[in-house]
Amino acid sequence: MKIIAVDDDQISLDLLDECLKQGGYEHVTLMPSPMDVLKTINDTAIAYDCILLDVDMPGKDGIQLCAEIRAQMRYKNTPIIMITKHSDHDAVERAFANGATDYVTKPFEFFEVLTRIKIAERLVQERQAAIDSYVSVQQSARKKPQLLTFPHARRDHVGQDEPSQEITSDEIMSQSVFQNYLERVTRAENCEAHLVAIKIDRIDEIFANTSAAEFVEFLKTIAAALKKGFAPNKLFLTHVGNGIFMCATNAHDPRRAIEIEQSVMDGLRLRDLPDICRNYLPVKIVVGSSLRLKTMPKLNFNRASKAALARLENRASPPITANVIAMSN
């Protein structure tokens, strides 16, 4: 694994060097200044597999540099881990909003840094496997008959029965990155996070009557509409499968659920949607009640996700008055 680490603090850089050596990483570049990083990463013949960035650096802070690296097509999906002394909610939110994959606070433990790099390495492998699988399905689909369930059905994802593949884009985080974000932000000082599950109604019928490319674009369109519907509050989201999005926002009034649903559906009327949605099956969005998360030592992500999904399924139930739930182990 080829790694570049950037930190203007030489002591921190030396510690990172020792940490990475202990982890068995030999192809490591250390840079004390952010000013030449873009040139370095783009001039190398073999792209870096993981990037470690300090936040507070002279001339250009790490979060700004993270956004600039993420804008390079070559590094659009490369894991970028922020290593910083800042542990407040706003810093974590700003880092992930600008493309960070993970977040480690100083002073750091070698074990934690190496663990986060291993997670990043697995993320790269999973993404490549997903791309290979997608290409394989597309090639296979060209040789098989189409599945028709509505007039003009165009499912070319033959052989896949569930709309459960992971979708990522500028609007949609991978599930691993979303989990990283939520775990980090709930450790932050003065955390105020709300977890909301949202589903697209009758997603199986939409999936069965769109091509693979159309279905992916449809989910991206929904994600963009959700972000607009939650505005002015910031929204981070991931697609967990079967037309369900798990969303994290810095503020959410449960009484706005219907208002958000209507706003999203109104916005979708102005967007390019698959034929099935325009002609036969208008899109319906269901927004679950929010689960409020406060600062805690360690978030139990699976438990929190299940609680948010339960609130989605029971949206019609009377309002839940206990709006703060401890989700630590």
C-alpha atoms as a PDB file:
ATOM      1  CA  MET A   1       0.000   0.000   0.000  1.00  0.00           C
ATOM      2  CA  LYS A   2       1.438   3.346  -1.073  1.00  0.00           C
ATOM      3  CA  ILE A   3       0.853   6.101   1.531  1.00  0.00           C
ATOM      4  CA  ILE A   4       1.578   9.839   1.740  1.00  0.00           C
ATOM      5  CA  ALA A   5       1.456  11.693   5.083  1.00  0.00           C
ATOM      6  CA  VAL A   6       1.395  15.495   5.365  1.00  0.00           C
ATOM      7  CA  ASP A   7       2.023  17.359   8.640  1.00  0.00           C
ATOM      8  CA  ASP A   8       3.941  20.570   9.332  1.00  0.00           C
ATOM      9  CA  ASP A   9       4.794  19.320  12.841  1.00  0.00           C
ATOM     10  CA  GLN A  10       8.008  17.327  12.448  1.00  0.00           C
ATOM     11  CA  ILE A  11       7.448  15.417  15.692  1.00  0.00           C
ATOM     12  CA  SER A  12       4.036  14.258  14.505  1.00  0.00           C
ATOM     13  CA  LEU A  13       5.508  13.350  11.124  1.00  0.00           C
ATOM     14  CA  ASP A  14       8.274  11.302  12.774  1.00  0.00           C
ATOM     15  CA  LEU A  15       5.684   9.517  14.924  1.00  0.00           C
ATOM     16  CA  LEU A  16       3.606   8.713  11.853  1.00  0.00           C
ATOM     17  CA  ASP A  17       6.717   7.410  10.103  1.00  0.00           C
ATOM     18  CA  GLU A  18       7.479   5.092  13.019  1.00  0.00           C
ATOM     19  CA  CYS A  19       3.817   4.039  13.257  1.00  0.00           C
ATOM     20  CA  LEU A  20       3.660   3.107   9.582  1.00  0.00           C
ATOM     21  CA  LYS A  21       6.955   1.210   9.768  1.00  0.00           C
ATOM     22  CA  GLN A  22       5.612  -0.812  12.675  1.00  0.00           C
ATOM     23  CA  GLY A  23       2.526  -1.535  10.582  1.00  0.00           C
ATOM     24  CA  GLY A  24       4.713  -2.970   7.818  1.00  0.00           C
ATOM     25  CA  TYR A  25       4.115  -0.131   5.327  1.00  0.00           C
ATOM     26  CA  GLU A  26       7.269   0.499   3.304  1.00  0.00           C
ATOM     27  CA  HIS A  27       6.063   2.737   0.471  1.00  0.00           C
ATOM     28  CA  VAL A  28       5.570   5.916   2.519  1.00  0.00           C
ATOM     29  CA  THR A  29       6.150   9.550   1.517  1.00  0.00           C
ATOM     30  CA  LEU A  30       6.393  12.176   4.288  1.00  0.00           C
ATOM     31  CA  MET A  31       5.770  15.845   3.516  1.00  0.00           C
ATOM     32  CA  PRO A  32       6.132  18.743   6.014  1.00  0.00           C
ATOM     33  CA  SER A  33       4.315  21.306   3.853  1.00  0.00           C
ATOM     34  CA  PRO A  34       0.927  21.200   2.111  1.00  0.00           C
ATOM     35  CA  MET A  35       1.939  23.533  -0.694  1.00  0.00           C
ATOM     36  CA  ASP A  36       3.483  20.939  -3.055  1.00  0.00           C
ATOM     37  CA  VAL A  37       1.251  17.984  -2.184  1.00  0.00           C
ATOM     38  CA  LEU A  38      -1.025  18.217  -5.236  1.00  0.00           C
ATOM     39  CA  LYS A  39       1.957  18.256  -7.593  1.00  0.00           C
ATOM     40  CA  THR A  40       3.559  15.323  -5.764  1.00  0.00           C
ATOM     41  CA  ILE A  41       0.492  13.080  -5.820  1.00  0.00           C
ATOM     42  CA  ASN A  42      -0.320  13.825  -9.443  1.00  0.00           C
ATOM     43  CA  ASP A  43       3.242  13.506 -10.757  1.00  0.00           C
ATOM     44  CA  THR A  44       3.769  10.016  -9.331  1.00  0.00           C
ATOM     45  CA  ALA A  45       3.469   7.206 -11.867  1.00  0.00           C
ATOM     46  CA  ILE A  46       1.609   4.933  -9.437  1.00  0.00           C
ATOM     47  CA  ALA A  47      -1.157   6.686  -7.500  1.00  0.00           C
ATOM     48  CA  TYR A  48      -1.141   6.759  -3.706  1.00  0.00           C
ATOM     49  CA  ASP A  49      -3.538   4.303  -2.041  1.00  0.00           C
ATOM     50  CA  CYS A  50      -4.066   6.290   1.178  1.00  0.00           C
ATOM     51  CA  ILE A  51      -3.502   9.919   2.216  1.00  0.00           C
ATOM     52  CA  LEU A  52      -2.975  11.153   5.802  1.00  0.00           C
ATOM     53  CA  LEU A  53      -3.496  14.887   6.412  1.00  0.00           C
ATOM     54  CA  ASP A  54      -3.010  17.174   9.390  1.00  0.00           C
ATOM     55  CA  VAL A  55      -5.588  19.963   9.628  1.00  0.00           C
ATOM     56  CA  ASP A  56      -3.703  22.966  11.031  1.00  0.00           C
ATOM     57  CA  MET A  57      -0.943  23.779   8.540  1.00  0.00           C
ATOM     58  CA  PRO A  58       0.438  27.108   7.301  1.00  0.00           C
ATOM     59  CA  GLY A  59      -0.636  28.358   3.896  1.00  0.00           C
ATOM     60  CA  LYS A  60      -3.346  25.746   3.351  1.00  0.00           C
ATOM     61  CA  ASP A  61      -5.190  23.770   5.994  1.00  0.00           C
ATOM     62  CA  GLY A  62      -5.688  20.030   5.657  1.00  0.00           C
ATOM     63  CA  ILE A  63      -9.418  20.216   5.072  1.00  0.00           C
ATOM     64  CA  GLN A  64      -8.957  22.621   2.166  1.00  0.00           C
ATOM     65  CA  LEU A  65      -6.243  20.347   0.815  1.00  0.00           C
ATOM     66  CA  CYS A  66      -8.550  17.339   1.258  1.00  0.00           C
ATOM     67  CA  ALA A  67     -11.199  19.028  -0.916  1.00  0.00           C
ATOM     68  CA  GLU A  68      -8.619  19.865  -3.599  1.00  0.00           C
ATOM     69  CA  ILE A  69      -7.299  16.293  -3.656  1.00  0.00           C
ATOM     70  CA  ARG A  70     -10.829  14.901  -3.820  1.00  0.00           C
ATOM     71  CA  ALA A  71     -11.515  17.108  -6.861  1.00  0.00           C
ATOM     72  CA  GLN A  72      -8.771  15.259  -8.777  1.00  0.00           C
ATOM     73  CA  MET A  73     -10.337  12.429 -10.774  1.00  0.00           C
ATOM     74  CA  ARG A  74      -7.374  10.196  -9.970  1.00  0.00           C
ATOM     75  CA  TYR A  75      -8.079  10.513  -6.233  1.00  0.00           C
ATOM     76  CA  LYS A  76     -11.859  10.756  -6.236  1.00  0.00           C
ATOM     77  CA  ASN A  77     -12.249   7.578  -4.154  1.00  0.00           C
ATOM     78  CA  THR A  78      -8.856   7.349  -2.427  1.00  0.00           C
ATOM     79  CA  PRO A  79      -9.103   7.069   1.380  1.00  0.00           C
ATOM     80  CA  ILE A  80      -8.135  10.360   3.056  1.00  0.00           C
ATOM     81  CA  ILE A  81      -7.656  10.216   6.830  1.00  0.00           C
ATOM     82  CA  MET A  82      -7.524  13.468   8.789  1.00  0.00           C
ATOM     83  CA  ILE A  83      -5.158  13.443  11.793  1.00  0.00           C
ATOM     84  CA  THR A  84      -5.745  16.490  13.969  1.00  0.00           C
ATOM     85  CA  LYS A  85      -5.962  17.882  17.489  1.00  0.00           C
ATOM     86  CA  HIS A  86      -9.490  19.172  16.828  1.00  0.00           C
ATOM     87  CA  SER A  87     -12.257  17.036  18.341  1.00  0.00           C
ATOM     88  CA  ASP A  88     -15.267  19.376  18.140  1.00  0.00           C
ATOM     89  CA  HIS A  89     -18.422  18.609  16.159  1.00  0.00           C
ATOM     90  CA  ASP A  90     -17.886  21.391  13.598  1.00  0.00           C
ATOM     91  CA  ALA A  91     -14.360  20.224  12.734  1.00  0.00           C
ATOM     92  CA  VAL A  92     -15.468  16.615  12.187  1.00  0.00           C
ATOM     93  CA  GLU A  93     -18.449  17.724  10.116  1.00  0.00           C
ATOM     94  CA  ARG A  94     -16.336  20.066   7.995  1.00  0.00           C
ATOM     95  CA  ALA A  95     -13.745  17.352   7.334  1.00  0.00           C
ATOM     96  CA  PHE A  96     -16.273  14.767   6.115  1.00  0.00           C
ATOM     97  CA  ALA A  97     -18.184  17.392   4.122  1.00  0.00           C
ATOM     98  CA  ASN A  98     -14.967  18.088   2.208  1.00  0.00           C
ATOM     99  CA  GLY A  99     -14.237  14.470   1.347  1.00  0.00           C
ATOM    100  CA  ALA A 100     -12.514  12.908   4.370  1.00  0.00           C
ATOM    101  CA  THR A 101     -12.859   9.142   4.691  1.00  0.00           C
ATOM    102  CA  ASP A 102     -11.926   8.947   8.369  1.00  0.00           C
ATOM    103  CA  TYR A 103     -10.765  11.086  11.286  1.00  0.00           C
ATOM    104  CA  VAL A 104      -8.170  10.507  14.026  1.00  0.00           C
ATOM    105  CA  THR A 105      -7.471  12.931  16.879  1.00  0.00           C
ATOM    106  CA  LYS A 106      -4.070  13.811  18.324  1.00  0.00           C
ATOM    107  CA  PRO A 107      -2.325  12.626  20.390  1.00  0.00           C
ATOM    108  CA  PHE A 108      -2.915   9.397  18.498  1.00  0.00           C
ATOM    109  CA  GLU A 109      -2.289   5.776  19.403  1.00  0.00           C
ATOM    110  CA  PHE A 110      -0.326   3.750  16.844  1.00  0.00           C
ATOM    111  CA  PHE A 111      -2.959   1.024  17.074  1.00  0.00           C
ATOM    112  CA  GLU A 112      -5.780   3.432  16.171  1.00  0.00           C
ATOM    113  CA  VAL A 113      -3.956   4.885  13.162  1.00  0.00           C
ATOM    114  CA  LEU A 114      -3.067   1.432  11.845  1.00  0.00           C
ATOM    115  CA  THR A 115      -6.648   0.243  12.416  1.00  0.00           C
ATOM    116  CA  ARG A 116      -8.054   3.178  10.436  1.00  0.00           C
ATOM    117  CA  ILE A 117      -5.583   2.489   7.607  1.00  0.00           C
ATOM    118  CA  LYS A 118      -6.605  -1.191   7.556  1.00  0.00           C
ATOM    119  CA  ILE A 119     -10.246  -0.099   7.322  1.00  0.00           C
ATOM    120  CA  ALA A 120      -9.322   2.245   4.465  1.00  0.00           C
ATOM    121  CA  GLU A 121      -7.476  -0.582   2.728  1.00  0.00           C
ATOM    122  CA  ARG A 122     -10.534  -2.809   3.031  1.00  0.00           C
ATOM    123  CA  LEU A 123     -12.703   0.007   1.681  1.00  0.00           C
ATOM    124  CA  VAL A 124     -10.537   0.219  -1.436  1.00  0.00           C
ATOM    125  CA  GLN A 125     -10.743  -3.553  -1.929  1.00  0.00           C
ATOM    126  CA  GLU A 126     -14.531  -3.584  -1.465  1.00  0.00           C
ATOM    127  CA  ARG A 127     -14.989  -0.729  -3.912  1.00  0.00           C
ATOM    128  CA  GLN A 128     -12.877  -2.504  -6.541  1.00  0.00           C
ATOM    129  CA  ALA A 129     -14.833  -5.716  -5.977  1.00  0.00           C
ATOM    130  CA  ALA A 130     -18.091  -3.794  -6.410  1.00  0.00           C
ATOM    131  CA  ILE A 131     -16.819  -2.256  -9.668  1.00  0.00           C
ATOM    132  CA  ASP A 132     -15.706  -5.663 -10.961  1.00  0.00           C
ATOM    133  CA  SER A 133     -19.090  -7.148 -10.030  1.00  0.00           C
ATOM    134  CA  TYR A 134     -20.961  -4.317 -11.731  1.00  0.00           C
ATOM    135  CA  VAL A 135     -18.936  -4.721 -14.934  1.00  0.00           C
ATOM    136  CA  SER A 136     -19.499  -8.481 -14.854  1.00  0.00           C
ATOM    137  CA  VAL A 137     -23.259  -8.057 -14.461  1.00  0.00           C
ATOM    138  CA  GLN A 138     -23.385  -5.508 -17.278  1.00  0.00           C
ATOM    139  CA  GLN A 139     -21.506  -7.849 -19.618  1.00  0.00           C
ATOM    140  CA  SER A 140     -23.717 -10.756 -18.629  1.00  0.00           C
ATOM    141  CA  ALA A 141     -26.885  -8.728 -19.101  1.00  0.00           C
ATOM    142  CA  ARG A 142     -26.104  -8.080 -22.763  1.00  0.00           C
ATOM    143  CA  LYS A 143     -26.405 -11.813 -23.406  1.00  0.00           C
ATOM    144  CA  LYS A 144     -29.700 -12.405 -21.588  1.00  0.00           C
ATOM    145  CA  PRO A 145     -33.334 -11.506 -22.286  1.00  0.00           C
ATOM    146  CA  GLN A 146     -34.911  -8.562 -20.533  1.00  0.00           C
ATOM    147  CA  LEU A 147     -37.309  -8.893 -17.606  1.00  0.00           C
ATOM    148  CA  LEU A 148     -40.688  -7.246 -18.264  1.00  0.00           C
ATOM    149  CA  THR A 149     -43.049  -6.364 -15.434  1.00  0.00           C
ATOM    150  CA  PHE A 150     -44.488  -3.064 -16.768  1.00  0.00           C
ATOM    151  CA  PRO A 151     -44.801  -1.717 -20.284  1.00  0.00           C
ATOM    152  CA  HIS A 152     -41.403  -0.540 -21.560  1.00  0.00           C
ATOM    153  CA  ALA A 153     -39.521  -2.230 -18.718  1.00  0.00           C
ATOM    154  CA  ARG A 154     -35.774  -2.017 -19.250  1.00  0.00           C
ATOM    155  CA  ARG A 155     -34.075  -4.008 -16.474  1.00  0.00           C
ATOM    156  CA  ASP A 156     -30.635  -4.968 -17.750  1.00  0.00           C
ATOM    157  CA  HIS A 157     -29.485  -6.069 -14.281  1.00  0.00           C
ATOM    158  CA  VAL A 158     -30.774  -9.552 -14.995  1.00  0.00           C
ATOM    159  CA  GLY A 159     -30.111 -12.103 -12.298  1.00  0.00           C
ATOM    160  CA  GLN A 160     -30.061  -9.606  -9.431  1.00  0.00           C
ATOM    161  CA  ASP A 161     -33.343  -9.763  -7.541  1.00  0.00           C
ATOM    162  CA  GLU A 162     -32.796  -7.113  -4.865  1.00  0.00           C
ATOM    163  CA  PRO A 163     -31.951  -3.414  -5.328  1.00  0.00           C
ATOM    164  CA  SER A 164     -29.290  -3.709  -2.649  1.00  0.00           C
ATOM    165  CA  GLN A 165     -25.989  -2.826  -4.327  1.00  0.00           C
ATOM    166  CA  GLU A 166     -23.959  -0.080  -2.681  1.00  0.00           C
ATOM    167  CA  ILE A 167     -24.202   3.240  -4.497  1.00  0.00           C
ATOM    168  CA  THR A 168     -21.724   6.070  -3.961  1.00  0.00           C
ATOM    169  CA  SER A 169     -21.451   9.534  -5.490  1.00  0.00           C
ATOM    170  CA  ASP A 170     -20.708  13.121  -4.502  1.00  0.00           C
ATOM    171  CA  GLU A 171     -24.060  13.075  -2.701  1.00  0.00           C
ATOM    172  CA  ILE A 172     -23.957   9.530  -1.273  1.00  0.00           C
ATOM    173  CA  MET A 173     -21.283   8.264   1.124  1.00  0.00           C
ATOM    174  CA  SER A 174     -20.222   4.650   1.117  1.00  0.00           C
ATOM    175  CA  GLN A 175     -21.623   2.791   4.114  1.00  0.00           C
ATOM    176  CA  SER A 176     -18.144   2.480   5.647  1.00  0.00           C
ATOM    177  CA  VAL A 177     -17.452   6.205   5.405  1.00  0.00           C
ATOM    178  CA  PHE A 178     -20.907   7.037   6.767  1.00  0.00           C
ATOM    179  CA  GLN A 179     -20.263   4.795   9.768  1.00  0.00           C
ATOM    180  CA  ASN A 180     -16.862   6.445  10.269  1.00  0.00           C
ATOM    181  CA  TYR A 181     -18.518   9.855  10.208  1.00  0.00           C
ATOM    182  CA  LEU A 182     -21.211   8.963  12.723  1.00  0.00           C
ATOM    183  CA  GLU A 183     -18.753   7.256  15.088  1.00  0.00           C
ATOM    184  CA  ARG A 184     -16.415  10.256  14.966  1.00  0.00           C
ATOM    185  CA  VAL A 185     -19.046  12.955  15.283  1.00  0.00           C
ATOM    186  CA  THR A 186     -20.625  11.291  18.326  1.00  0.00           C
ATOM    187  CA  ARG A 187     -17.228  11.364  20.028  1.00  0.00           C
ATOM    188  CA  ALA A 188     -16.921  15.078  19.319  1.00  0.00           C
ATOM    189  CA  GLU A 189     -17.386  17.740  21.942  1.00  0.00           C
ATOM    190  CA  ASN A 190     -20.877  19.256  21.955  1.00  0.00           C
ATOM    191  CA  CYS A 191     -22.171  16.655  19.497  1.00  0.00           C
ATOM    192  CA  GLU A 192     -25.677  17.236  18.229  1.00  0.00           C
ATOM    193  CA  ALA A 193     -26.475  14.573  15.636  1.00  0.00           C
ATOM    194  CA  HIS A 194     -29.746  13.100  14.439  1.00  0.00           C
ATOM    195  CA  LEU A 195     -30.008   9.762  12.635  1.00  0.00           C
ATOM    196  CA  VAL A 196     -32.936   9.401  10.238  1.00  0.00           C
ATOM    197  CA  ALA A 197     -33.936   6.456   8.042  1.00  0.00           C
ATOM    198  CA  ILE A 198     -35.708   7.284   4.783  1.00  0.00           C
ATOM    199  CA  LYS A 199     -37.184   4.898   2.237  1.00  0.00           C
ATOM    200  CA  ILE A 200     -38.437   5.025  -1.325  1.00  0.00           C
ATOM    201  CA  ASP A 201     -41.807   3.325  -1.565  1.00  0.00           C
ATOM    202  CA  ARG A 202     -42.233   0.382  -3.979  1.00  0.00           C
ATOM    203  CA  ILE A 203     -38.530   0.354  -4.788  1.00  0.00           C
ATOM    204  CA  ASP A 204     -38.663  -3.250  -6.076  1.00  0.00           C
ATOM    205  CA  GLU A 205     -40.993  -2.234  -8.921  1.00  0.00           C
ATOM    206  CA  ILE A 206     -38.827   0.768  -9.792  1.00  0.00           C
ATOM    207  CA  PHE A 207     -35.718  -1.432  -9.736  1.00  0.00           C
ATOM    208  CA  ALA A 208     -37.308  -4.084 -11.942  1.00  0.00           C
ATOM    209  CA  ASN A 209     -38.290  -1.537 -14.573  1.00  0.00           C
ATOM    210  CA  THR A 210     -35.109   0.479 -14.964  1.00  0.00           C
ATOM    211  CA  SER A 211     -31.716  -0.283 -16.393  1.00  0.00           C
ATOM    212  CA  ALA A 212     -28.781  -0.582 -14.005  1.00  0.00           C
ATOM    213  CA  ALA A 213     -27.500   2.838 -15.039  1.00  0.00           C
ATOM    214  CA  GLU A 214     -30.944   4.408 -14.691  1.00  0.00           C
ATOM    215  CA  PHE A 215     -31.417   2.944 -11.224  1.00  0.00           C
ATOM    216  CA  VAL A 216     -28.084   4.298 -10.004  1.00  0.00           C
ATOM    217  CA  GLU A 217     -28.890   7.750 -11.407  1.00  0.00           C
ATOM    218  CA  PHE A 218     -32.337   7.558  -9.822  1.00  0.00           C
ATOM    219  CA  LEU A 219     -30.827   6.993  -6.368  1.00  0.00           C
ATOM    220  CA  LYS A 220     -28.390   9.856  -6.906  1.00  0.00           C
ATOM    221  CA  THR A 221     -31.303  12.086  -7.880  1.00  0.00           C
ATOM    222  CA  ILE A 222     -33.194  11.105  -4.720  1.00  0.00           C
ATOM    223  CA  ALA A 223     -30.102  11.852  -2.621  1.00  0.00           C
ATOM    224  CA  ALA A 224     -29.723  15.315  -4.153  1.00  0.00           C
ATOM    225  CA  ALA A 225     -33.423  16.021  -3.538  1.00  0.00           C
ATOM    226  CA  LEU A 226     -33.107  14.863   0.093  1.00  0.00           C
ATOM    227  CA  LYS A 227     -30.197  17.208   0.704  1.00  0.00           C
ATOM    228  CA  LYS A 228     -32.240  20.069  -0.685  1.00  0.00           C
ATOM    229  CA  GLY A 229     -35.284  19.029   1.356  1.00  0.00           C
ATOM    230  CA  PHE A 230     -33.300  19.091   4.615  1.00  0.00           C
ATOM    231  CA  ALA A 231     -31.735  22.483   3.870  1.00  0.00           C
ATOM    232  CA  PRO A 232     -30.541  24.656   5.507  1.00  0.00           C
ATOM    233  CA  ASN A 233     -29.419  21.780   7.761  1.00  0.00           C
ATOM    234  CA  LYS A 234     -26.427  19.788   6.541  1.00  0.00           C
ATOM    235  CA  LEU A 235     -27.164  16.181   5.567  1.00  0.00           C
ATOM    236  CA  PHE A 236     -24.812  13.179   5.257  1.00  0.00           C
ATOM    237  CA  LEU A 237     -26.341  10.032   3.822  1.00  0.00           C
ATOM    238  CA  THR A 238     -25.701   6.525   2.572  1.00  0.00           C
ATOM    239  CA  HIS A 239     -27.793   3.997   0.664  1.00  0.00           C
ATOM    240  CA  VAL A 240     -28.065   0.846   2.780  1.00  0.00           C
ATOM    241  CA  GLY A 241     -29.976  -1.138   0.151  1.00  0.00           C
ATOM    242  CA  ASN A 242     -33.564  -1.715  -0.995  1.00  0.00           C
ATOM    243  CA  GLY A 243     -34.214   1.988  -1.475  1.00  0.00           C
ATOM    244  CA  ILE A 244     -33.431   2.894   2.137  1.00  0.00           C
ATOM    245  CA  PHE A 245     -31.151   5.797   2.987  1.00  0.00           C
ATOM    246  CA  MET A 246     -29.583   6.263   6.397  1.00  0.00           C
ATOM    247  CA  CYS A 247     -29.115   9.978   7.007  1.00  0.00           C
ATOM    248  CA  ALA A 248     -27.313  12.059   9.624  1.00  0.00           C
ATOM    249  CA  THR A 249     -28.105  15.721  10.134  1.00  0.00           C
ATOM    250  CA  ASN A 250     -27.069  18.319  12.670  1.00  0.00           C
ATOM    251  CA  ALA A 251     -30.663  19.250  13.473  1.00  0.00           C
ATOM    252  CA  HIS A 252     -34.023  17.681  12.754  1.00  0.00           C
ATOM    253  CA  ASP A 253     -37.498  18.493  13.974  1.00  0.00           C
ATOM    254  CA  PRO A 254     -39.661  15.306  13.821  1.00  0.00           C
ATOM    255  CA  ARG A 255     -42.637  17.492  12.996  1.00  0.00           C
ATOM    256  CA  ARG A 256     -40.943  18.366   9.687  1.00  0.00           C
ATOM    257  CA  ALA A 257     -41.082  14.788   8.357  1.00  0.00           C
ATOM    258  CA  ILE A 258     -44.183  15.340   6.224  1.00  0.00           C
ATOM    259  CA  GLU A 259     -42.910  18.737   5.108  1.00  0.00           C
ATOM    260  CA  ILE A 260     -39.588  17.188   4.003  1.00  0.00           C
ATOM    261  CA  GLU A 261     -41.389  14.372   2.176  1.00  0.00           C
ATOM    262  CA  GLN A 262     -43.500  16.874   0.267  1.00  0.00           C
ATOM    263  CA  SER A 263     -40.512  19.104  -0.488  1.00  0.00           C
ATOM    264  CA  VAL A 264     -38.527  16.160  -1.887  1.00  0.00           C
ATOM    265  CA  MET A 265     -41.421  14.908  -4.018  1.00  0.00           C
ATOM    266  CA  ASP A 266     -42.115  18.424  -5.309  1.00  0.00           C
ATOM    267  CA  GLY A 267     -38.454  18.809  -6.218  1.00  0.00           C
ATOM    268  CA  LEU A 268     -38.417  15.491  -8.057  1.00  0.00           C
ATOM    269  CA  ARG A 269     -41.099  16.700 -10.456  1.00  0.00           C
ATOM    270  CA  LEU A 270     -38.494  19.037 -11.940  1.00  0.00           C
ATOM    271  CA  ARG A 271     -35.875  16.321 -12.364  1.00  0.00           C
ATOM    272  CA  ASP A 272     -35.245  13.679 -14.995  1.00  0.00           C
ATOM    273  CA  LEU A 273     -36.765  10.452 -13.632  1.00  0.00           C
ATOM    274  CA  PRO A 274     -37.093   6.944 -15.132  1.00  0.00           C
ATOM    275  CA  ASP A 275     -40.120   6.315 -17.353  1.00  0.00           C
ATOM    276  CA  ILE A 276     -41.687   4.036 -14.743  1.00  0.00           C
ATOM    277  CA  CYS A 277     -41.782   6.934 -12.247  1.00  0.00           C
ATOM    278  CA  ARG A 278     -43.079   9.466 -14.759  1.00  0.00           C
ATOM    279  CA  ASN A 279     -45.777   7.293 -16.296  1.00  0.00           C
ATOM    280  CA  TYR A 280     -46.866   4.567 -13.865  1.00  0.00           C
ATOM    281  CA  LEU A 281     -45.411   4.881 -10.399  1.00  0.00           C
ATOM    282  CA  PRO A 282     -44.957   8.381  -8.926  1.00  0.00           C
ATOM    283  CA  VAL A 283     -42.121   8.501  -6.396  1.00  0.00           C
ATOM    284  CA  LYS A 284     -43.140   8.417  -2.742  1.00  0.00           C
ATOM    285  CA  ILE A 285     -40.635   9.121   0.043  1.00  0.00           C
ATOM    286  CA  VAL A 286     -41.183   8.145   3.692  1.00  0.00           C
ATOM    287  CA  VAL A 287     -39.090   9.968   6.310  1.00  0.00           C
ATOM    288  CA  GLY A 288     -38.704   8.230   9.674  1.00  0.00           C
ATOM    289  CA  SER A 289     -38.666   9.909  13.063  1.00  0.00           C
ATOM    290  CA  SER A 290     -35.198  11.061  14.055  1.00  0.00           C
ATOM    291  CA  LEU A 291     -32.978   9.414  16.642  1.00  0.00           C
ATOM    292  CA  ARG A 292     -31.040  12.040  18.565  1.00  0.00           C
ATOM    293  CA  LEU A 293     -27.435  11.146  19.392  1.00  0.00           C
ATOM    294  CA  LYS A 294     -25.298  13.002  21.935  1.00  0.00           C
ATOM    295  CA  THR A 295     -21.584  12.847  22.750  1.00  0.00           C
ATOM    296  CA  MET A 296     -20.589   9.330  23.836  1.00  0.00           C
ATOM    297  CA  PRO A 297     -17.355   7.292  24.140  1.00  0.00           C
ATOM    298  CA  LYS A 298     -18.300   4.724  21.493  1.00  0.00           C
ATOM    299  CA  LEU A 299     -21.346   4.583  19.289  1.00  0.00           C
ATOM    300  CA  ASN A 300     -22.958   1.202  18.727  1.00  0.00           C
ATOM    301  CA  PHE A 301     -23.592   1.860  15.030  1.00  0.00           C
ATOM    302  CA  ASN A 302     -25.615  -1.295  14.343  1.00  0.00           C
ATOM    303  CA  ARG A 303     -27.913  -0.682  17.297  1.00  0.00           C
ATOM    304  CA  ALA A 304     -28.419   2.967  16.329  1.00  0.00           C
ATOM    305  CA  SER A 305     -29.208   1.978  12.717  1.00  0.00           C
ATOM    306  CA  LYS A 306     -31.755  -0.624  13.837  1.00  0.00           C
ATOM    307  CA  ALA A 307     -33.413   1.959  16.100  1.00  0.00           C
ATOM    308  CA  ALA A 308     -33.645   4.439  13.213  1.00  0.00           C
ATOM    309  CA  LEU A 309     -35.120   1.745  10.931  1.00  0.00           C
ATOM    310  CA  ALA A 310     -37.682   0.856  13.606  1.00  0.00           C
ATOM    311  CA  ARG A 311     -38.721   4.503  13.753  1.00  0.00           C
ATOM    312  CA  LEU A 312     -39.111   4.492   9.994  1.00  0.00           C
ATOM    313  CA  GLU A 313     -41.400   1.450  10.123  1.00  0.00           C
ATOM    314  CA  ASN A 314     -43.424   2.950  12.963  1.00  0.00           C
ATOM    315  CA  ARG A 315     -43.716   6.471  11.605  1.00  0.00           C
ATOM    316  CA  ALA A 316     -47.488   6.327  11.996  1.00  0.00           C
ATOM    317  CA  SER A 317     -47.215   5.566  15.732  1.00  0.00           C
ATOM    318  CA  PRO A 318     -47.742   8.300  18.358  1.00  0.00           C
ATOM    319  CA  PRO A 319     -44.771  10.678  18.777  1.00  0.00           C
ATOM    320  CA  ILE A 320     -41.892   9.324  20.868  1.00  0.00           C
ATOM    321  CA  THR A 321     -41.227  11.612  23.811  1.00  0.00           C
ATOM    322  CA  ALA A 322     -37.882  10.181  24.933  1.00  0.00           C
ATOM    323  CA  ASN A 323     -35.813  11.791  22.209  1.00  0.00           C
ATOM    324  CA  VAL A 324     -32.356  11.188  23.624  1.00  0.00           C
ATOM    325  CA  ILE A 325     -31.113   7.597  23.563  1.00  0.00           C
ATOM    326  CA  ALA A 326     -27.805   6.282  24.839  1.00  0.00           C
ATOM    327  CA  MET A 327     -26.202   4.252  22.059  1.00  0.00           C
ATOM    328  CA  SER A 328     -22.911   3.377  23.671  1.00  0.00           C
ATOM    329  CA  ASN A 329     -21.679  -0.139  24.294  1.00  0.00           C
END
